[in-house]
Amino acid sequence: MKKFSIISLILFLILFTAVIKNSTKRIDDEIFSINENIRDLKKDFEKIKLENDYLSSADRLLEFQSLYFDKELIKQDIRNIKIIHKTTNSLNIQQFKFIDE
């Protein structure tokens, strides 16, 4: 009886180890896949950010203005920005609130 319980304990431990090992391998594969996806998304983000920074720099915007718009664009004071809420019968105008105010 004692030999049977020791053998069954050893078999249980072997099976339990195999299940744990397979679960760990599956989780490791999922982590690797997610990390690869994150790496690809980071590359895309860096490209888009570089493009945005390049296209929206002040010098670049002034260059586009002179190239495409001639005298159509006018500089405005940022404090003159208003929010317009349109309802069915009226327009409500409010001052825009900036985050750092």
N, C-alpha and C. Protein backbone atom coordinates (compact mmCIF):
# COMPACT_ATOMS: atom_id res chain seq x y z
N MET A 1 0.82 -1.19 0.00
CA MET A 1 0.00 0.00 0.00
C MET A 1 0.86 1.26 0.00
N LYS A 2 1.96 1.18 0.77
CA LYS A 2 2.84 2.33 0.85
C LYS A 2 3.51 2.58 -0.49
N LYS A 3 3.92 1.52 -1.20
CA LYS A 3 4.54 1.66 -2.51
C LYS A 3 3.55 2.26 -3.51
N PHE A 4 2.32 1.84 -3.44
CA PHE A 4 1.29 2.35 -4.36
C PHE A 4 1.06 3.85 -4.15
N SER A 5 1.02 4.30 -2.90
CA SER A 5 0.81 5.72 -2.64
C SER A 5 2.01 6.55 -3.07
N ILE A 6 3.22 6.04 -2.91
CA ILE A 6 4.42 6.76 -3.35
C ILE A 6 4.45 6.84 -4.87
N ILE A 7 4.14 5.74 -5.55
CA ILE A 7 4.12 5.74 -7.02
C ILE A 7 3.03 6.67 -7.54
N SER A 8 1.87 6.65 -6.93
CA SER A 8 0.79 7.54 -7.38
C SER A 8 1.14 9.00 -7.11
N LEU A 9 1.80 9.27 -6.00
CA LEU A 9 2.25 10.64 -5.70
C LEU A 9 3.25 11.11 -6.74
N ILE A 10 4.20 10.26 -7.10
CA ILE A 10 5.20 10.62 -8.11
C ILE A 10 4.54 10.86 -9.46
N LEU A 11 3.61 10.00 -9.85
CA LEU A 11 2.89 10.19 -11.13
C LEU A 11 2.07 11.49 -11.11
N PHE A 12 1.43 11.75 -9.98
CA PHE A 12 0.66 13.00 -9.86
C PHE A 12 1.57 14.21 -10.00
N LEU A 13 2.73 14.18 -9.36
CA LEU A 13 3.67 15.30 -9.45
C LEU A 13 4.20 15.47 -10.88
N ILE A 14 4.45 14.36 -11.57
CA ILE A 14 4.91 14.44 -12.96
C ILE A 14 3.84 15.06 -13.84
N LEU A 15 2.59 14.61 -13.70
CA LEU A 15 1.49 15.17 -14.49
C LEU A 15 1.26 16.64 -14.15
N PHE A 16 1.29 16.97 -12.87
CA PHE A 16 1.10 18.35 -12.44
C PHE A 16 2.20 19.25 -13.01
N THR A 17 3.45 18.77 -13.00
CA THR A 17 4.57 19.53 -13.57
C THR A 17 4.38 19.72 -15.07
N ALA A 18 3.91 18.72 -15.76
CA ALA A 18 3.68 18.83 -17.20
C ALA A 18 2.59 19.87 -17.51
N VAL A 19 1.52 19.85 -16.74
CA VAL A 19 0.44 20.83 -16.94
C VAL A 19 0.95 22.25 -16.68
N ILE A 20 1.69 22.44 -15.61
CA ILE A 20 2.23 23.75 -15.28
C ILE A 20 3.19 24.22 -16.37
N LYS A 21 4.03 23.31 -16.85
CA LYS A 21 5.00 23.66 -17.90
C LYS A 21 4.27 24.09 -19.18
N ASN A 22 3.24 23.35 -19.57
CA ASN A 22 2.49 23.71 -20.78
C ASN A 22 1.77 25.05 -20.61
N SER A 23 1.20 25.28 -19.46
CA SER A 23 0.53 26.56 -19.21
C SER A 23 1.53 27.71 -19.26
N THR A 24 2.68 27.51 -18.67
CA THR A 24 3.71 28.55 -18.67
C THR A 24 4.19 28.83 -20.09
N LYS A 25 4.37 27.80 -20.88
CA LYS A 25 4.81 27.98 -22.26
C LYS A 25 3.77 28.75 -23.06
N ARG A 26 2.49 28.43 -22.89
CA ARG A 26 1.43 29.13 -23.60
C ARG A 26 1.39 30.61 -23.21
N ILE A 27 1.53 30.89 -21.92
CA ILE A 27 1.54 32.27 -21.45
C ILE A 27 2.76 33.01 -21.99
N ASP A 28 3.90 32.33 -22.02
CA ASP A 28 5.12 32.93 -22.55
C ASP A 28 4.97 33.26 -24.03
N ASP A 29 4.33 32.38 -24.80
CA ASP A 29 4.08 32.65 -26.22
C ASP A 29 3.15 33.85 -26.40
N GLU A 30 2.13 33.96 -25.56
CA GLU A 30 1.23 35.11 -25.64
C GLU A 30 1.96 36.41 -25.31
N ILE A 31 2.80 36.39 -24.30
CA ILE A 31 3.58 37.57 -23.93
C ILE A 31 4.49 37.97 -25.07
N PHE A 32 5.15 37.01 -25.70
CA PHE A 32 6.02 37.31 -26.83
C PHE A 32 5.24 37.94 -27.97
N SER A 33 4.07 37.39 -28.28
CA SER A 33 3.23 37.92 -29.35
C SER A 33 2.80 39.36 -29.05
N ILE A 34 2.38 39.60 -27.83
CA ILE A 34 1.96 40.95 -27.45
C ILE A 34 3.12 41.93 -27.51
N ASN A 35 4.30 41.50 -27.07
CA ASN A 35 5.47 42.38 -27.14
C ASN A 35 5.84 42.71 -28.59
N GLU A 36 5.70 41.76 -29.48
CA GLU A 36 5.95 42.03 -30.90
C GLU A 36 4.95 43.05 -31.44
N ASN A 37 3.69 42.90 -31.07
CA ASN A 37 2.68 43.87 -31.50
C ASN A 37 2.97 45.25 -30.95
N ILE A 38 3.38 45.32 -29.70
CA ILE A 38 3.72 46.61 -29.09
C ILE A 38 4.91 47.23 -29.81
N ARG A 39 5.90 46.42 -30.15
CA ARG A 39 7.08 46.93 -30.85
C ARG A 39 6.68 47.53 -32.21
N ASP A 40 5.80 46.84 -32.94
CA ASP A 40 5.34 47.37 -34.22
C ASP A 40 4.56 48.67 -34.04
N LEU A 41 3.70 48.70 -33.02
CA LEU A 41 2.92 49.92 -32.78
C LEU A 41 3.81 51.08 -32.36
N LYS A 42 4.86 50.80 -31.60
CA LYS A 42 5.80 51.87 -31.22
C LYS A 42 6.50 52.44 -32.44
N LYS A 43 6.89 51.58 -33.37
CA LYS A 43 7.53 52.06 -34.60
C LYS A 43 6.58 52.95 -35.38
N ASP A 44 5.33 52.51 -35.52
CA ASP A 44 4.33 53.32 -36.22
C ASP A 44 4.11 54.64 -35.51
N PHE A 45 4.03 54.60 -34.19
CA PHE A 45 3.83 55.82 -33.42
C PHE A 45 4.99 56.80 -33.62
N GLU A 46 6.21 56.29 -33.59
CA GLU A 46 7.37 57.17 -33.77
C GLU A 46 7.36 57.82 -35.15
N LYS A 47 7.00 57.06 -36.18
CA LYS A 47 6.92 57.62 -37.53
C LYS A 47 5.86 58.70 -37.62
N ILE A 48 4.69 58.42 -37.06
CA ILE A 48 3.59 59.39 -37.11
C ILE A 48 3.93 60.63 -36.29
N LYS A 49 4.56 60.44 -35.14
CA LYS A 49 4.93 61.57 -34.30
C LYS A 49 5.96 62.44 -35.00
N LEU A 50 6.94 61.82 -35.64
CA LEU A 50 7.94 62.58 -36.38
C LEU A 50 7.28 63.37 -37.50
N GLU A 51 6.38 62.73 -38.22
CA GLU A 51 5.67 63.41 -39.30
C GLU A 51 4.85 64.58 -38.76
N ASN A 52 4.16 64.36 -37.65
CA ASN A 52 3.36 65.42 -37.06
C ASN A 52 4.23 66.58 -36.59
N ASP A 53 5.34 66.26 -35.91
CA ASP A 53 6.23 67.31 -35.42
C ASP A 53 6.82 68.11 -36.58
N TYR A 54 7.17 67.40 -37.64
CA TYR A 54 7.76 68.08 -38.79
C TYR A 54 6.73 68.97 -39.48
N LEU A 55 5.54 68.45 -39.70
CA LEU A 55 4.53 69.21 -40.43
C LEU A 55 3.94 70.34 -39.60
N SER A 56 3.91 70.20 -38.29
CA SER A 56 3.26 71.23 -37.47
C SER A 56 4.25 72.17 -36.79
N SER A 57 5.52 72.12 -37.14
CA SER A 57 6.47 73.07 -36.55
C SER A 57 6.13 74.47 -37.07
N ALA A 58 6.47 75.47 -36.29
CA ALA A 58 6.11 76.85 -36.64
C ALA A 58 6.73 77.27 -37.97
N ASP A 59 7.99 76.93 -38.17
CA ASP A 59 8.65 77.30 -39.43
C ASP A 59 7.98 76.62 -40.62
N ARG A 60 7.64 75.37 -40.43
CA ARG A 60 7.01 74.62 -41.52
C ARG A 60 5.62 75.18 -41.84
N LEU A 61 4.86 75.55 -40.80
CA LEU A 61 3.55 76.13 -41.02
C LEU A 61 3.65 77.47 -41.74
N LEU A 62 4.64 78.27 -41.37
CA LEU A 62 4.83 79.55 -42.07
C LEU A 62 5.23 79.32 -43.52
N GLU A 63 6.02 78.30 -43.75
CA GLU A 63 6.40 77.96 -45.12
C GLU A 63 5.18 77.54 -45.94
N PHE A 64 4.32 76.69 -45.34
CA PHE A 64 3.09 76.29 -46.03
C PHE A 64 2.17 77.48 -46.28
N GLN A 65 2.12 78.41 -45.32
CA GLN A 65 1.28 79.59 -45.49
C GLN A 65 1.74 80.40 -46.70
N SER A 66 3.03 80.66 -46.79
CA SER A 66 3.52 81.45 -47.92
C SER A 66 3.41 80.68 -49.22
N LEU A 67 3.49 79.36 -49.15
CA LEU A 67 3.44 78.55 -50.36
C LEU A 67 2.03 78.41 -50.92
N TYR A 68 1.06 78.22 -50.03
CA TYR A 68 -0.29 77.88 -50.49
C TYR A 68 -1.34 78.97 -50.27
N PHE A 69 -1.21 79.79 -49.25
CA PHE A 69 -2.29 80.68 -48.87
C PHE A 69 -2.03 82.15 -49.16
N ASP A 70 -0.84 82.53 -49.49
CA ASP A 70 -0.45 83.93 -49.72
C ASP A 70 -0.87 84.80 -48.53
N LYS A 71 -1.88 85.64 -48.70
CA LYS A 71 -2.28 86.58 -47.64
C LYS A 71 -3.59 86.18 -46.98
N GLU A 72 -4.08 84.99 -47.18
CA GLU A 72 -5.38 84.60 -46.65
C GLU A 72 -5.38 84.32 -45.15
N LEU A 73 -4.26 83.94 -44.58
CA LEU A 73 -4.20 83.60 -43.16
C LEU A 73 -3.78 84.80 -42.32
N ILE A 74 -4.46 84.96 -41.18
CA ILE A 74 -4.19 86.07 -40.28
C ILE A 74 -3.89 85.51 -38.90
N LYS A 75 -2.88 86.04 -38.24
CA LYS A 75 -2.56 85.60 -36.88
C LYS A 75 -3.62 86.14 -35.93
N GLN A 76 -4.07 85.30 -35.01
CA GLN A 76 -5.07 85.68 -34.02
C GLN A 76 -4.51 85.47 -32.62
N ASP A 77 -4.98 86.30 -31.70
CA ASP A 77 -4.61 86.13 -30.30
C ASP A 77 -5.39 84.93 -29.74
N ILE A 78 -4.71 84.07 -29.04
CA ILE A 78 -5.33 82.85 -28.55
C ILE A 78 -6.41 83.13 -27.51
N ARG A 79 -6.36 84.29 -26.87
CA ARG A 79 -7.37 84.65 -25.87
C ARG A 79 -8.69 85.05 -26.52
N ASN A 80 -8.72 85.21 -27.83
CA ASN A 80 -9.95 85.58 -28.53
C ASN A 80 -10.77 84.37 -28.95
N ILE A 81 -10.36 83.19 -28.58
CA ILE A 81 -11.09 81.98 -28.96
C ILE A 81 -12.36 81.87 -28.12
N LYS A 82 -13.45 81.62 -28.78
CA LYS A 82 -14.75 81.50 -28.11
C LYS A 82 -15.37 80.14 -28.46
N ILE A 83 -16.30 79.70 -27.63
CA ILE A 83 -17.05 78.47 -27.88
C ILE A 83 -18.48 78.87 -28.21
N ILE A 84 -18.98 78.34 -29.31
CA ILE A 84 -20.34 78.65 -29.73
C ILE A 84 -21.19 77.40 -29.56
N HIS A 85 -22.26 77.53 -28.79
CA HIS A 85 -23.23 76.44 -28.61
C HIS A 85 -24.48 76.82 -29.38
N LYS A 86 -24.85 75.99 -30.32
CA LYS A 86 -26.03 76.28 -31.14
C LYS A 86 -27.20 75.45 -30.63
N THR A 87 -28.27 76.12 -30.30
CA THR A 87 -29.51 75.45 -29.96
C THR A 87 -30.49 75.73 -31.10
N THR A 88 -31.67 75.22 -31.00
CA THR A 88 -32.63 75.40 -32.10
C THR A 88 -33.01 76.86 -32.32
N ASN A 89 -33.07 77.65 -31.24
CA ASN A 89 -33.53 79.03 -31.38
C ASN A 89 -32.45 80.08 -31.14
N SER A 90 -31.31 79.70 -30.61
CA SER A 90 -30.33 80.73 -30.27
C SER A 90 -28.90 80.20 -30.34
N LEU A 91 -27.99 81.14 -30.27
CA LEU A 91 -26.56 80.83 -30.20
C LEU A 91 -26.02 81.35 -28.87
N ASN A 92 -25.31 80.52 -28.16
CA ASN A 92 -24.68 80.93 -26.90
C ASN A 92 -23.17 80.96 -27.12
N ILE A 93 -22.55 82.07 -26.76
CA ILE A 93 -21.11 82.23 -26.93
C ILE A 93 -20.47 82.30 -25.55
N GLN A 94 -19.45 81.45 -25.34
CA GLN A 94 -18.74 81.42 -24.07
C GLN A 94 -17.25 81.58 -24.33
N GLN A 95 -16.55 82.10 -23.34
CA GLN A 95 -15.09 82.22 -23.43
C GLN A 95 -14.47 80.84 -23.26
N PHE A 96 -13.48 80.52 -24.07
CA PHE A 96 -12.77 79.24 -23.97
C PHE A 96 -11.86 79.28 -22.75
N LYS A 97 -11.91 78.22 -21.94
CA LYS A 97 -11.07 78.15 -20.75
C LYS A 97 -9.87 77.25 -21.04
N PHE A 98 -8.69 77.79 -20.83
CA PHE A 98 -7.46 77.03 -21.06
C PHE A 98 -7.11 76.23 -19.83
N ILE A 99 -6.36 75.18 -20.02
CA ILE A 99 -6.04 74.25 -18.93
C ILE A 99 -5.18 74.93 -17.86
N ASP A 100 -4.22 75.74 -18.26
CA ASP A 100 -3.29 76.31 -17.29
C ASP A 100 -3.79 77.59 -16.64
N GLU A 101 -5.02 77.97 -16.87
CA GLU A 101 -5.56 79.17 -16.25
C GLU A 101 -6.08 78.86 -14.86
